[in-house]
Amino acid sequence: MKNLKILIIDDERAILDVVKASLEIVVQWEVLTASSGQEGREKALRQQPDLILLDVMMPDVDGLALLNQLRYDPLTQKIPVILLTGKSNMIDETDYDSLNIIGIIPKPFNPLELAQEITQLVTF
């Protein structure tokens, strides 16, 4: 797979650090981080990542509200999104199309297998 630029949006610093280190070390992808929905939206607009990993539960703007904002904006509407969530049982695979996501990676995840999970979901 090509060298991807991935934006991770999560309010937990530990998750941002683990995902960033994992993807940079294991597959040498460029990893951008944002610790809030607002910061994530701004970085998505400015940086135009190849993929967004988006936490569902965040305090300022929850992930699903941010997803709607990203899908409404012509600059970000085509960026593939994978949800990162500890509540993966709340979202059924049949909801993927209506949510306009390519998949869900449940928390907790294995950092050493994260790149493989992403590549199984992404088709570039």
PDB file of N, CA and C in Angstrom:
ATOM      1  N   MET A   1       0.847  -1.187   0.000  1.00  0.00           N
ATOM      2  CA  MET A   1       0.000   0.000   0.000  1.00  0.00           C
ATOM      3  C   MET A   1       0.882   1.236   0.000  1.00  0.00           C
ATOM      4  N   LYS A   2       0.415   2.264  -0.661  1.00  0.00           N
ATOM      5  CA  LYS A   2       1.201   3.498  -0.767  1.00  0.00           C
ATOM      6  C   LYS A   2       1.406   4.144   0.596  1.00  0.00           C
ATOM      7  N   ASN A   3       2.284   5.114   0.614  1.00  0.00           N
ATOM      8  CA  ASN A   3       2.552   5.857   1.838  1.00  0.00           C
ATOM      9  C   ASN A   3       1.369   6.777   2.114  1.00  0.00           C
ATOM     10  N   LEU A   4       0.596   6.461   3.128  1.00  0.00           N
ATOM     11  CA  LEU A   4      -0.622   7.204   3.438  1.00  0.00           C
ATOM     12  C   LEU A   4      -0.376   8.329   4.424  1.00  0.00           C
ATOM     13  N   LYS A   5      -1.226   9.357   4.318  1.00  0.00           N
ATOM     14  CA  LYS A   5      -1.284  10.422   5.319  1.00  0.00           C
ATOM     15  C   LYS A   5      -2.596  10.201   6.065  1.00  0.00           C
ATOM     16  N   ILE A   6      -2.478   9.906   7.358  1.00  0.00           N
ATOM     17  CA  ILE A   6      -3.651   9.578   8.163  1.00  0.00           C
ATOM     18  C   ILE A   6      -3.819  10.617   9.259  1.00  0.00           C
ATOM     19  N   LEU A   7      -5.057  11.042   9.456  1.00  0.00           N
ATOM     20  CA  LEU A   7      -5.404  11.949  10.549  1.00  0.00           C
ATOM     21  C   LEU A   7      -6.165  11.161  11.601  1.00  0.00           C
ATOM     22  N   ILE A   8      -5.662  11.202  12.826  1.00  0.00           N
ATOM     23  CA  ILE A   8      -6.323  10.548  13.946  1.00  0.00           C
ATOM     24  C   ILE A   8      -6.950  11.643  14.801  1.00  0.00           C
ATOM     25  N   ILE A   9      -8.253  11.520  15.044  1.00  0.00           N
ATOM     26  CA  ILE A   9      -8.966  12.496  15.872  1.00  0.00           C
ATOM     27  C   ILE A   9      -9.498  11.749  17.093  1.00  0.00           C
ATOM     28  N   ASP A  10      -8.931  12.051  18.249  1.00  0.00           N
ATOM     29  CA  ASP A  10      -9.312  11.375  19.493  1.00  0.00           C
ATOM     30  C   ASP A  10      -8.960  12.293  20.647  1.00  0.00           C
ATOM     31  N   ASP A  11      -9.802  12.344  21.659  1.00  0.00           N
ATOM     32  CA  ASP A  11      -9.544  13.230  22.786  1.00  0.00           C
ATOM     33  C   ASP A  11      -8.612  12.607  23.828  1.00  0.00           C
ATOM     34  N   GLU A  12      -8.252  11.347  23.661  1.00  0.00           N
ATOM     35  CA  GLU A  12      -7.349  10.680  24.610  1.00  0.00           C
ATOM     36  C   GLU A  12      -5.919  10.726  24.087  1.00  0.00           C
ATOM     37  N   ARG A  13      -5.059  11.443  24.783  1.00  0.00           N
ATOM     38  CA  ARG A  13      -3.665  11.602  24.370  1.00  0.00           C
ATOM     39  C   ARG A  13      -2.981  10.246  24.212  1.00  0.00           C
ATOM     40  N   ALA A  14      -3.249   9.303  25.116  1.00  0.00           N
ATOM     41  CA  ALA A  14      -2.607   7.986  25.038  1.00  0.00           C
ATOM     42  C   ALA A  14      -2.961   7.276  23.733  1.00  0.00           C
ATOM     43  N   ILE A  15      -4.209   7.376  23.298  1.00  0.00           N
ATOM     44  CA  ILE A  15      -4.632   6.747  22.037  1.00  0.00           C
ATOM     45  C   ILE A  15      -3.904   7.412  20.868  1.00  0.00           C
ATOM     46  N   LEU A  16      -3.856   8.731  20.857  1.00  0.00           N
ATOM     47  CA  LEU A  16      -3.152   9.448  19.791  1.00  0.00           C
ATOM     48  C   LEU A  16      -1.691   9.004  19.709  1.00  0.00           C
ATOM     49  N   ASP A  17      -1.034   8.926  20.860  1.00  0.00           N
ATOM     50  CA  ASP A  17       0.378   8.550  20.887  1.00  0.00           C
ATOM     51  C   ASP A  17       0.604   7.122  20.412  1.00  0.00           C
ATOM     52  N   VAL A  18      -0.240   6.199  20.862  1.00  0.00           N
ATOM     53  CA  VAL A  18      -0.083   4.787  20.489  1.00  0.00           C
ATOM     54  C   VAL A  18      -0.340   4.596  18.998  1.00  0.00           C
ATOM     55  N   VAL A  19      -1.420   5.185  18.485  1.00  0.00           N
ATOM     56  CA  VAL A  19      -1.738   5.033  17.063  1.00  0.00           C
ATOM     57  C   VAL A  19      -0.646   5.667  16.207  1.00  0.00           C
ATOM     58  N   LYS A  20      -0.219   6.852  16.581  1.00  0.00           N
ATOM     59  CA  LYS A  20       0.833   7.547  15.819  1.00  0.00           C
ATOM     60  C   LYS A  20       2.103   6.702  15.778  1.00  0.00           C
ATOM     61  N   ALA A  21       2.560   6.252  16.930  1.00  0.00           N
ATOM     62  CA  ALA A  21       3.784   5.454  16.986  1.00  0.00           C
ATOM     63  C   ALA A  21       3.622   4.160  16.198  1.00  0.00           C
ATOM     64  N   SER A  22       2.502   3.502  16.355  1.00  0.00           N
ATOM     65  CA  SER A  22       2.253   2.235  15.674  1.00  0.00           C
ATOM     66  C   SER A  22       2.319   2.383  14.161  1.00  0.00           C
ATOM     67  N   LEU A  23       1.594   3.338  13.632  1.00  0.00           N
ATOM     68  CA  LEU A  23       1.517   3.486  12.180  1.00  0.00           C
ATOM     69  C   LEU A  23       2.798   4.058  11.576  1.00  0.00           C
ATOM     70  N   GLU A  24       3.474   4.916  12.315  1.00  0.00           N
ATOM     71  CA  GLU A  24       4.732   5.448  11.803  1.00  0.00           C
ATOM     72  C   GLU A  24       5.829   4.390  11.819  1.00  0.00           C
ATOM     73  N   ILE A  25       5.861   3.564  12.844  1.00  0.00           N
ATOM     74  CA  ILE A  25       6.917   2.553  12.970  1.00  0.00           C
ATOM     75  C   ILE A  25       6.628   1.327  12.098  1.00  0.00           C
ATOM     76  N   VAL A  26       5.408   0.808  12.180  1.00  0.00           N
ATOM     77  CA  VAL A  26       5.087  -0.437  11.490  1.00  0.00           C
ATOM     78  C   VAL A  26       5.014  -0.263   9.975  1.00  0.00           C
ATOM     79  N   VAL A  27       4.387   0.801   9.489  1.00  0.00           N
ATOM     80  CA  VAL A  27       4.198   0.953   8.038  1.00  0.00           C
ATOM     81  C   VAL A  27       4.697   2.285   7.476  1.00  0.00           C
ATOM     82  N   GLN A  28       5.334   3.091   8.293  1.00  0.00           N
ATOM     83  CA  GLN A  28       5.920   4.366   7.865  1.00  0.00           C
ATOM     84  C   GLN A  28       4.911   5.311   7.203  1.00  0.00           C
ATOM     85  N   TRP A  29       3.687   5.305   7.695  1.00  0.00           N
ATOM     86  CA  TRP A  29       2.701   6.252   7.201  1.00  0.00           C
ATOM     87  C   TRP A  29       2.899   7.593   7.921  1.00  0.00           C
ATOM     88  N   GLU A  30       2.523   8.671   7.250  1.00  0.00           N
ATOM     89  CA  GLU A  30       2.546   9.996   7.882  1.00  0.00           C
ATOM     90  C   GLU A  30       1.290  10.101   8.738  1.00  0.00           C
ATOM     91  N   VAL A  31       1.467  10.446  10.004  1.00  0.00           N
ATOM     92  CA  VAL A  31       0.332  10.473  10.927  1.00  0.00           C
ATOM     93  C   VAL A  31       0.183  11.865  11.523  1.00  0.00           C
ATOM     94  N   LEU A  32      -0.993  12.434  11.336  1.00  0.00           N
ATOM     95  CA  LEU A  32      -1.365  13.720  11.933  1.00  0.00           C
ATOM     96  C   LEU A  32      -2.314  13.424  13.083  1.00  0.00           C
ATOM     97  N   THR A  33      -2.277  14.246  14.117  1.00  0.00           N
ATOM     98  CA  THR A  33      -3.171  14.029  15.253  1.00  0.00           C
ATOM     99  C   THR A  33      -3.960  15.284  15.585  1.00  0.00           C
ATOM    100  N   ALA A  34      -5.146  15.050  16.132  1.00  0.00           N
ATOM    101  CA  ALA A  34      -5.987  16.144  16.629  1.00  0.00           C
ATOM    102  C   ALA A  34      -6.692  15.635  17.880  1.00  0.00           C
ATOM    103  N   SER A  35      -6.713  16.464  18.915  1.00  0.00           N
ATOM    104  CA  SER A  35      -7.281  16.035  20.188  1.00  0.00           C
ATOM    105  C   SER A  35      -8.693  16.556  20.442  1.00  0.00           C
ATOM    106  N   SER A  36      -9.297  17.151  19.430  1.00  0.00           N
ATOM    107  CA  SER A  36     -10.684  17.601  19.561  1.00  0.00           C
ATOM    108  C   SER A  36     -11.341  17.571  18.183  1.00  0.00           C
ATOM    109  N   GLY A  37     -12.650  17.582  18.188  1.00  0.00           N
ATOM    110  CA  GLY A  37     -13.377  17.591  16.931  1.00  0.00           C
ATOM    111  C   GLY A  37     -13.083  18.829  16.100  1.00  0.00           C
ATOM    112  N   GLN A  38     -13.035  19.974  16.748  1.00  0.00           N
ATOM    113  CA  GLN A  38     -12.763  21.228  16.030  1.00  0.00           C
ATOM    114  C   GLN A  38     -11.374  21.212  15.405  1.00  0.00           C
ATOM    115  N   GLU A  39     -10.379  20.803  16.191  1.00  0.00           N
ATOM    116  CA  GLU A  39      -9.012  20.729  15.668  1.00  0.00           C
ATOM    117  C   GLU A  39      -8.942  19.719  14.519  1.00  0.00           C
ATOM    118  N   GLY A  40      -9.639  18.606  14.665  1.00  0.00           N
ATOM    119  CA  GLY A  40      -9.656  17.587  13.619  1.00  0.00           C
ATOM    120  C   GLY A  40     -10.263  18.097  12.333  1.00  0.00           C
ATOM    121  N   ARG A  41     -11.352  18.816  12.440  1.00  0.00           N
ATOM    122  CA  ARG A  41     -12.003  19.381  11.240  1.00  0.00           C
ATOM    123  C   ARG A  41     -11.063  20.349  10.529  1.00  0.00           C
ATOM    124  N   GLU A  42     -10.413  21.217  11.303  1.00  0.00           N
ATOM    125  CA  GLU A  42      -9.478  22.184  10.725  1.00  0.00           C
ATOM    126  C   GLU A  42      -8.307  21.490  10.032  1.00  0.00           C
ATOM    127  N   LYS A  43      -7.741  20.458  10.676  1.00  0.00           N
ATOM    128  CA  LYS A  43      -6.623  19.740  10.070  1.00  0.00           C
ATOM    129  C   LYS A  43      -7.064  18.978   8.826  1.00  0.00           C
ATOM    130  N   ALA A  44      -8.263  18.408   8.850  1.00  0.00           N
ATOM    131  CA  ALA A  44      -8.766  17.697   7.673  1.00  0.00           C
ATOM    132  C   ALA A  44      -8.891  18.661   6.494  1.00  0.00           C
ATOM    133  N   LEU A  45      -9.388  19.855   6.749  1.00  0.00           N
ATOM    134  CA  LEU A  45      -9.525  20.849   5.685  1.00  0.00           C
ATOM    135  C   LEU A  45      -8.169  21.291   5.150  1.00  0.00           C
ATOM    136  N   ARG A  46      -7.220  21.561   6.056  1.00  0.00           N
ATOM    137  CA  ARG A  46      -5.897  22.068   5.668  1.00  0.00           C
ATOM    138  C   ARG A  46      -4.991  20.997   5.075  1.00  0.00           C
ATOM    139  N   GLN A  47      -4.977  19.821   5.684  1.00  0.00           N
ATOM    140  CA  GLN A  47      -4.000  18.797   5.335  1.00  0.00           C
ATOM    141  C   GLN A  47      -4.486  17.781   4.297  1.00  0.00           C
ATOM    142  N   GLN A  48      -5.794  17.670   4.113  1.00  0.00           N
ATOM    143  CA  GLN A  48      -6.366  16.722   3.145  1.00  0.00           C
ATOM    144  C   GLN A  48      -5.751  15.320   3.280  1.00  0.00           C
ATOM    145  N   PRO A  49      -5.984  14.671   4.424  1.00  0.00           N
ATOM    146  CA  PRO A  49      -5.406  13.334   4.618  1.00  0.00           C
ATOM    147  C   PRO A  49      -6.047  12.306   3.682  1.00  0.00           C
ATOM    148  N   ASP A  50      -5.362  11.173   3.530  1.00  0.00           N
ATOM    149  CA  ASP A  50      -5.894  10.075   2.729  1.00  0.00           C
ATOM    150  C   ASP A  50      -6.974   9.304   3.484  1.00  0.00           C
ATOM    151  N   LEU A  51      -6.929   9.391   4.811  1.00  0.00           N
ATOM    152  CA  LEU A  51      -7.828   8.618   5.672  1.00  0.00           C
ATOM    153  C   LEU A  51      -7.953   9.309   7.017  1.00  0.00           C
ATOM    154  N   ILE A  52      -9.127   9.185   7.636  1.00  0.00           N
ATOM    155  CA  ILE A  52      -9.335   9.723   8.983  1.00  0.00           C
ATOM    156  C   ILE A  52      -9.759   8.582   9.895  1.00  0.00           C
ATOM    157  N   LEU A  53      -9.069   8.461  11.041  1.00  0.00           N
ATOM    158  CA  LEU A  53      -9.490   7.569  12.117  1.00  0.00           C
ATOM    159  C   LEU A  53     -10.171   8.466  13.139  1.00  0.00           C
ATOM    160  N   LEU A  54     -11.436   8.219  13.405  1.00  0.00           N
ATOM    161  CA  LEU A  54     -12.253   9.153  14.179  1.00  0.00           C
ATOM    162  C   LEU A  54     -12.864   8.494  15.403  1.00  0.00           C
ATOM    163  N   ASP A  55     -12.551   9.036  16.569  1.00  0.00           N
ATOM    164  CA  ASP A  55     -13.164   8.585  17.814  1.00  0.00           C
ATOM    165  C   ASP A  55     -14.628   9.010  17.815  1.00  0.00           C
ATOM    166  N   VAL A  56     -15.487   8.158  18.332  1.00  0.00           N
ATOM    167  CA  VAL A  56     -16.911   8.475  18.353  1.00  0.00           C
ATOM    168  C   VAL A  56     -17.263   9.367  19.532  1.00  0.00           C
ATOM    169  N   MET A  57     -16.706   9.079  20.702  1.00  0.00           N
ATOM    170  CA  MET A  57     -17.092   9.814  21.906  1.00  0.00           C
ATOM    171  C   MET A  57     -16.025  10.832  22.284  1.00  0.00           C
ATOM    172  N   MET A  58     -16.325  12.117  21.992  1.00  0.00           N
ATOM    173  CA  MET A  58     -15.430  13.216  22.343  1.00  0.00           C
ATOM    174  C   MET A  58     -16.259  14.311  22.995  1.00  0.00           C
ATOM    175  N   PRO A  59     -15.656  15.087  23.884  1.00  0.00           N
ATOM    176  CA  PRO A  59     -16.440  16.078  24.638  1.00  0.00           C
ATOM    177  C   PRO A  59     -16.913  17.295  23.856  1.00  0.00           C
ATOM    178  N   ASP A  60     -16.106  17.838  22.956  1.00  0.00           N
ATOM    179  CA  ASP A  60     -16.519  19.091  22.308  1.00  0.00           C
ATOM    180  C   ASP A  60     -17.504  18.844  21.167  1.00  0.00           C
ATOM    181  N   VAL A  61     -17.113  18.035  20.234  1.00  0.00           N
ATOM    182  CA  VAL A  61     -17.983  17.650  19.113  1.00  0.00           C
ATOM    183  C   VAL A  61     -17.849  16.139  19.022  1.00  0.00           C
ATOM    184  N   ASP A  62     -18.950  15.393  19.199  1.00  0.00           N
ATOM    185  CA  ASP A  62     -18.797  13.948  19.138  1.00  0.00           C
ATOM    186  C   ASP A  62     -18.485  13.516  17.711  1.00  0.00           C
ATOM    187  N   GLY A  63     -17.932  12.320  17.583  1.00  0.00           N
ATOM    188  CA  GLY A  63     -17.454  11.838  16.300  1.00  0.00           C
ATOM    189  C   GLY A  63     -18.504  11.796  15.214  1.00  0.00           C
ATOM    190  N   LEU A  64     -19.723  11.418  15.546  1.00  0.00           N
ATOM    191  CA  LEU A  64     -20.769  11.335  14.530  1.00  0.00           C
ATOM    192  C   LEU A  64     -21.192  12.724  14.043  1.00  0.00           C
ATOM    193  N   ALA A  65     -21.200  13.703  14.946  1.00  0.00           N
ATOM    194  CA  ALA A  65     -21.501  15.083  14.524  1.00  0.00           C
ATOM    195  C   ALA A  65     -20.379  15.607  13.635  1.00  0.00           C
ATOM    196  N   LEU A  66     -19.129  15.304  14.006  1.00  0.00           N
ATOM    197  CA  LEU A  66     -17.997  15.725  13.186  1.00  0.00           C
ATOM    198  C   LEU A  66     -18.041  15.029  11.825  1.00  0.00           C
ATOM    199  N   LEU A  67     -18.396  13.763  11.817  1.00  0.00           N
ATOM    200  CA  LEU A  67     -18.515  13.031  10.557  1.00  0.00           C
ATOM    201  C   LEU A  67     -19.515  13.719   9.635  1.00  0.00           C
ATOM    202  N   ASN A  68     -20.637  14.143  10.178  1.00  0.00           N
ATOM    203  CA  ASN A  68     -21.631  14.879   9.374  1.00  0.00           C
ATOM    204  C   ASN A  68     -21.049  16.170   8.814  1.00  0.00           C
ATOM    205  N   GLN A  69     -20.272  16.895   9.621  1.00  0.00           N
ATOM    206  CA  GLN A  69     -19.636  18.127   9.153  1.00  0.00           C
ATOM    207  C   GLN A  69     -18.657  17.845   8.023  1.00  0.00           C
ATOM    208  N   LEU A  70     -17.877  16.780   8.183  1.00  0.00           N
ATOM    209  CA  LEU A  70     -16.899  16.419   7.153  1.00  0.00           C
ATOM    210  C   LEU A  70     -17.594  16.017   5.854  1.00  0.00           C
ATOM    211  N   ARG A  71     -18.691  15.312   5.954  1.00  0.00           N
ATOM    212  CA  ARG A  71     -19.414  14.859   4.765  1.00  0.00           C
ATOM    213  C   ARG A  71     -20.152  16.001   4.071  1.00  0.00           C
ATOM    214  N   TYR A  72     -20.486  17.046   4.799  1.00  0.00           N
ATOM    215  CA  TYR A  72     -21.195  18.197   4.239  1.00  0.00           C
ATOM    216  C   TYR A  72     -20.253  19.111   3.455  1.00  0.00           C
ATOM    217  N   ASP A  73     -18.968  19.128   3.852  1.00  0.00           N
ATOM    218  CA  ASP A  73     -17.999  20.029   3.224  1.00  0.00           C
ATOM    219  C   ASP A  73     -17.405  19.381   1.976  1.00  0.00           C
ATOM    220  N   PRO A  74     -17.474  20.037   0.825  1.00  0.00           N
ATOM    221  CA  PRO A  74     -16.926  19.461  -0.413  1.00  0.00           C
ATOM    222  C   PRO A  74     -15.431  19.133  -0.339  1.00  0.00           C
ATOM    223  N   LEU A  75     -14.684  19.833   0.517  1.00  0.00           N
ATOM    224  CA  LEU A  75     -13.247  19.590   0.634  1.00  0.00           C
ATOM    225  C   LEU A  75     -12.918  18.306   1.398  1.00  0.00           C
ATOM    226  N   THR A  76     -13.861  17.829   2.213  1.00  0.00           N
ATOM    227  CA  THR A  76     -13.574  16.656   3.047  1.00  0.00           C
ATOM    228  C   THR A  76     -14.554  15.500   2.835  1.00  0.00           C
ATOM    229  N   GLN A  77     -15.576  15.703   2.022  1.00  0.00           N
ATOM    230  CA  GLN A  77     -16.637  14.699   1.924  1.00  0.00           C
ATOM    231  C   GLN A  77     -16.197  13.364   1.349  1.00  0.00           C
ATOM    232  N   LYS A  78     -15.113  13.334   0.593  1.00  0.00           N
ATOM    233  CA  LYS A  78     -14.672  12.075  -0.023  1.00  0.00           C
ATOM    234  C   LYS A  78     -13.539  11.382   0.744  1.00  0.00           C
ATOM    235  N   ILE A  79     -13.093  11.967   1.840  1.00  0.00           N
ATOM    236  CA  ILE A  79     -12.024  11.343   2.627  1.00  0.00           C
ATOM    237  C   ILE A  79     -12.606  10.130   3.361  1.00  0.00           C
ATOM    238  N   PRO A  80     -12.014   8.946   3.173  1.00  0.00           N
ATOM    239  CA  PRO A  80     -12.516   7.760   3.880  1.00  0.00           C
ATOM    240  C   PRO A  80     -12.361   7.918   5.394  1.00  0.00           C
ATOM    241  N   VAL A  81     -13.360   7.432   6.133  1.00  0.00           N
ATOM    242  CA  VAL A  81     -13.343   7.527   7.591  1.00  0.00           C
ATOM    243  C   VAL A  81     -13.550   6.145   8.191  1.00  0.00           C
ATOM    244  N   ILE A  82     -12.712   5.822   9.177  1.00  0.00           N
ATOM    245  CA  ILE A  82     -12.872   4.634  10.004  1.00  0.00           C
ATOM    246  C   ILE A  82     -13.131   5.127  11.415  1.00  0.00           C
ATOM    247  N   LEU A  83     -14.182   4.612  12.038  1.00  0.00           N
ATOM    248  CA  LEU A  83     -14.483   4.993  13.413  1.00  0.00           C
ATOM    249  C   LEU A  83     -13.661   4.156  14.376  1.00  0.00           C
ATOM    250  N   LEU A  84     -13.119   4.801  15.397  1.00  0.00           N
ATOM    251  CA  LEU A  84     -12.453   4.144  16.518  1.00  0.00           C
ATOM    252  C   LEU A  84     -13.387   4.301  17.707  1.00  0.00           C
ATOM    253  N   THR A  85     -13.813   3.190  18.292  1.00  0.00           N
ATOM    254  CA  THR A  85     -14.761   3.335  19.382  1.00  0.00           C
ATOM    255  C   THR A  85     -14.755   2.148  20.328  1.00  0.00           C
ATOM    256  N   GLY A  86     -15.014   2.448  21.565  1.00  0.00           N
ATOM    257  CA  GLY A  86     -15.223   1.412  22.562  1.00  0.00           C
ATOM    258  C   GLY A  86     -16.666   0.935  22.557  1.00  0.00           C
ATOM    259  N   LYS A  87     -17.500   1.583  21.780  1.00  0.00           N
ATOM    260  CA  LYS A  87     -18.931   1.262  21.703  1.00  0.00           C
ATOM    261  C   LYS A  87     -19.278   0.689  20.332  1.00  0.00           C
ATOM    262  N   SER A  88     -18.416  -0.170  19.795  1.00  0.00           N
ATOM    263  CA  SER A  88     -18.631  -0.683  18.445  1.00  0.00           C
ATOM    264  C   SER A  88     -19.908  -1.505  18.315  1.00  0.00           C
ATOM    265  N   ASN A  89     -20.390  -2.058  19.420  1.00  0.00           N
ATOM    266  CA  ASN A  89     -21.625  -2.841  19.357  1.00  0.00           C
ATOM    267  C   ASN A  89     -22.858  -1.959  19.126  1.00  0.00           C
ATOM    268  N   MET A  90     -22.697  -0.641  19.227  1.00  0.00           N
ATOM    269  CA  MET A  90     -23.820   0.271  18.994  1.00  0.00           C
ATOM    270  C   MET A  90     -24.041   0.535  17.506  1.00  0.00           C
ATOM    271  N   ILE A  91     -23.021   0.202  16.681  1.00  0.00           N
ATOM    272  CA  ILE A  91     -23.114   0.487  15.257  1.00  0.00           C
ATOM    273  C   ILE A  91     -23.009  -0.826  14.490  1.00  0.00           C
ATOM    274  N   ASP A  92     -24.021  -1.143  13.750  1.00  0.00           N
ATOM    275  CA  ASP A  92     -24.084  -2.375  12.968  1.00  0.00           C
ATOM    276  C   ASP A  92     -23.455  -2.137  11.594  1.00  0.00           C
ATOM    277  N   GLU A  93     -22.944  -3.190  10.980  1.00  0.00           N
ATOM    278  CA  GLU A  93     -22.343  -3.052   9.648  1.00  0.00           C
ATOM    279  C   GLU A  93     -23.327  -2.505   8.625  1.00  0.00           C
ATOM    280  N   THR A  94     -24.603  -2.727   8.838  1.00  0.00           N
ATOM    281  CA  THR A  94     -25.597  -2.202   7.903  1.00  0.00           C
ATOM    282  C   THR A  94     -25.673  -0.678   7.974  1.00  0.00           C
ATOM    283  N   ASP A  95     -25.154  -0.102   9.047  1.00  0.00           N
ATOM    284  CA  ASP A  95     -25.155   1.353   9.199  1.00  0.00           C
ATOM    285  C   ASP A  95     -23.985   2.024   8.478  1.00  0.00           C
ATOM    286  N   TYR A  96     -22.999   1.252   8.017  1.00  0.00           N
ATOM    287  CA  TYR A  96     -21.812   1.827   7.392  1.00  0.00           C
ATOM    288  C   TYR A  96     -22.176   2.739   6.224  1.00  0.00           C
ATOM    289  N   ASP A  97     -23.069   2.273   5.360  1.00  0.00           N
ATOM    290  CA  ASP A  97     -23.446   3.092   4.204  1.00  0.00           C
ATOM    291  C   ASP A  97     -24.160   4.367   4.626  1.00  0.00           C
ATOM    292  N   SER A  98     -25.084   4.245   5.572  1.00  0.00           N
ATOM    293  CA  SER A  98     -25.822   5.436   5.994  1.00  0.00           C
ATOM    294  C   SER A  98     -24.903   6.417   6.725  1.00  0.00           C
ATOM    295  N   LEU A  99     -23.907   5.904   7.429  1.00  0.00           N
ATOM    296  CA  LEU A  99     -22.944   6.773   8.110  1.00  0.00           C
ATOM    297  C   LEU A  99     -21.850   7.253   7.167  1.00  0.00           C
ATOM    298  N   ASN A 100     -21.736   6.603   6.017  1.00  0.00           N
ATOM    299  CA  ASN A 100     -20.705   6.934   5.038  1.00  0.00           C
ATOM    300  C   ASN A 100     -19.302   6.715   5.621  1.00  0.00           C
ATOM    301  N   ILE A 101     -19.122   5.535   6.251  1.00  0.00           N
ATOM    302  CA  ILE A 101     -17.816   5.140   6.779  1.00  0.00           C
ATOM    303  C   ILE A 101     -17.382   3.856   6.084  1.00  0.00           C
ATOM    304  N   ILE A 102     -16.091   3.556   6.177  1.00  0.00           N
ATOM    305  CA  ILE A 102     -15.631   2.317   5.564  1.00  0.00           C
ATOM    306  C   ILE A 102     -15.458   1.201   6.578  1.00  0.00           C
ATOM    307  N   GLY A 103     -15.582   1.520   7.861  1.00  0.00           N
ATOM    308  CA  GLY A 103     -15.487   0.481   8.867  1.00  0.00           C
ATOM    309  C   GLY A 103     -15.315   1.029  10.261  1.00  0.00           C
ATOM    310  N   ILE A 104     -15.189   0.078  11.191  1.00  0.00           N
ATOM    311  CA  ILE A 104     -15.023   0.410  12.605  1.00  0.00           C
ATOM    312  C   ILE A 104     -13.884  -0.435  13.154  1.00  0.00           C
ATOM    313  N   ILE A 105     -13.030   0.191  13.932  1.00  0.00           N
ATOM    314  CA  ILE A 105     -12.006  -0.537  14.678  1.00  0.00           C
ATOM    315  C   ILE A 105     -12.342  -0.349  16.153  1.00  0.00           C
ATOM    316  N   PRO A 106     -12.666  -1.449  16.831  1.00  0.00           N
ATOM    317  CA  PRO A 106     -13.050  -1.330  18.241  1.00  0.00           C
ATOM    318  C   PRO A 106     -11.851  -1.075  19.149  1.00  0.00           C
ATOM    319  N   LYS A 107     -12.108  -0.292  20.190  1.00  0.00           N
ATOM    320  CA  LYS A 107     -11.124  -0.093  21.256  1.00  0.00           C
ATOM    321  C   LYS A 107     -11.452  -1.118  22.338  1.00  0.00           C
ATOM    322  N   PRO A 108     -10.491  -1.697  22.983  1.00  0.00           N
ATOM    323  CA  PRO A 108      -9.064  -1.547  22.732  1.00  0.00           C
ATOM    324  C   PRO A 108      -8.648  -2.333  21.490  1.00  0.00           C
ATOM    325  N   PHE A 109      -7.593  -1.892  20.847  1.00  0.00           N
ATOM    326  CA  PHE A 109      -7.068  -2.557  19.664  1.00  0.00           C
ATOM    327  C   PHE A 109      -5.604  -2.911  19.920  1.00  0.00           C
ATOM    328  N   ASN A 110      -5.090  -3.823  19.127  1.00  0.00           N
ATOM    329  CA  ASN A 110      -3.694  -4.213  19.228  1.00  0.00           C
ATOM    330  C   ASN A 110      -2.877  -3.284  18.335  1.00  0.00           C
ATOM    331  N   PRO A 111      -2.001  -2.454  18.898  1.00  0.00           N
ATOM    332  CA  PRO A 111      -1.233  -1.494  18.090  1.00  0.00           C
ATOM    333  C   PRO A 111      -0.404  -2.157  16.984  1.00  0.00           C
ATOM    334  N   LEU A 112       0.063  -3.369  17.225  1.00  0.00           N
ATOM    335  CA  LEU A 112       0.884  -4.053  16.226  1.00  0.00           C
ATOM    336  C   LEU A 112       0.048  -4.572  15.058  1.00  0.00           C
ATOM    337  N   GLU A 113      -1.259  -4.701  15.249  1.00  0.00           N
ATOM    338  CA  GLU A 113      -2.144  -5.184  14.192  1.00  0.00           C
ATOM    339  C   GLU A 113      -2.985  -4.069  13.573  1.00  0.00           C
ATOM    340  N   LEU A 114      -2.829  -2.853  14.061  1.00  0.00           N
ATOM    341  CA  LEU A 114      -3.666  -1.738  13.610  1.00  0.00           C
ATOM    342  C   LEU A 114      -3.497  -1.465  12.114  1.00  0.00           C
ATOM    343  N   ALA A 115      -2.279  -1.411  11.624  1.00  0.00           N
ATOM    344  CA  ALA A 115      -2.058  -1.146  10.194  1.00  0.00           C
ATOM    345  C   ALA A 115      -2.722  -2.211   9.340  1.00  0.00           C
ATOM    346  N   GLN A 116      -2.639  -3.461   9.768  1.00  0.00           N
ATOM    347  CA  GLN A 116      -3.272  -4.555   9.028  1.00  0.00           C
ATOM    348  C   GLN A 116      -4.798  -4.394   9.025  1.00  0.00           C
ATOM    349  N   GLU A 117      -5.366  -4.020  10.171  1.00  0.00           N
ATOM    350  CA  GLU A 117      -6.819  -3.802  10.237  1.00  0.00           C
ATOM    351  C   GLU A 117      -7.235  -2.681   9.286  1.00  0.00           C
ATOM    352  N   ILE A 118      -6.452  -1.621   9.249  1.00  0.00           N
ATOM    353  CA  ILE A 118      -6.762  -0.491   8.368  1.00  0.00           C
ATOM    354  C   ILE A 118      -6.682  -0.922   6.907  1.00  0.00           C
ATOM    355  N   THR A 119      -5.619  -1.632   6.535  1.00  0.00           N
ATOM    356  CA  THR A 119      -5.464  -2.027   5.134  1.00  0.00           C
ATOM    357  C   THR A 119      -6.552  -2.993   4.685  1.00  0.00           C
ATOM    358  N   GLN A 120      -7.117  -3.757   5.612  1.00  0.00           N
ATOM    359  CA  GLN A 120      -8.229  -4.648   5.268  1.00  0.00           C
ATOM    360  C   GLN A 120      -9.496  -3.855   4.948  1.00  0.00           C
ATOM    361  N   LEU A 121      -9.625  -2.660   5.510  1.00  0.00           N
ATOM    362  CA  LEU A 121     -10.822  -1.837   5.305  1.00  0.00           C
ATOM    363  C   LEU A 121     -10.697  -0.865   4.130  1.00  0.00           C
ATOM    364  N   VAL A 122      -9.473  -0.431   3.847  1.00  0.00           N
ATOM    365  CA  VAL A 122      -9.244   0.626   2.867  1.00  0.00           C
ATOM    366  C   VAL A 122      -8.937   0.031   1.495  1.00  0.00           C
ATOM    367  N   THR A 123      -9.567   0.601   0.494  1.00  0.00           N
ATOM    368  CA  THR A 123      -9.240   0.243  -0.881  1.00  0.00           C
ATOM    369  C   THR A 123      -8.921   1.531  -1.646  1.00  0.00           C
ATOM    370  N   PHE A 124      -7.649   1.732  -1.930  1.00  0.00           N
ATOM    371  CA  PHE A 124      -7.214   2.932  -2.668  1.00  0.00           C
ATOM    372  C   PHE A 124      -6.838   2.540  -4.067  1.00  0.00           C
TER     373      PHE A 124
END
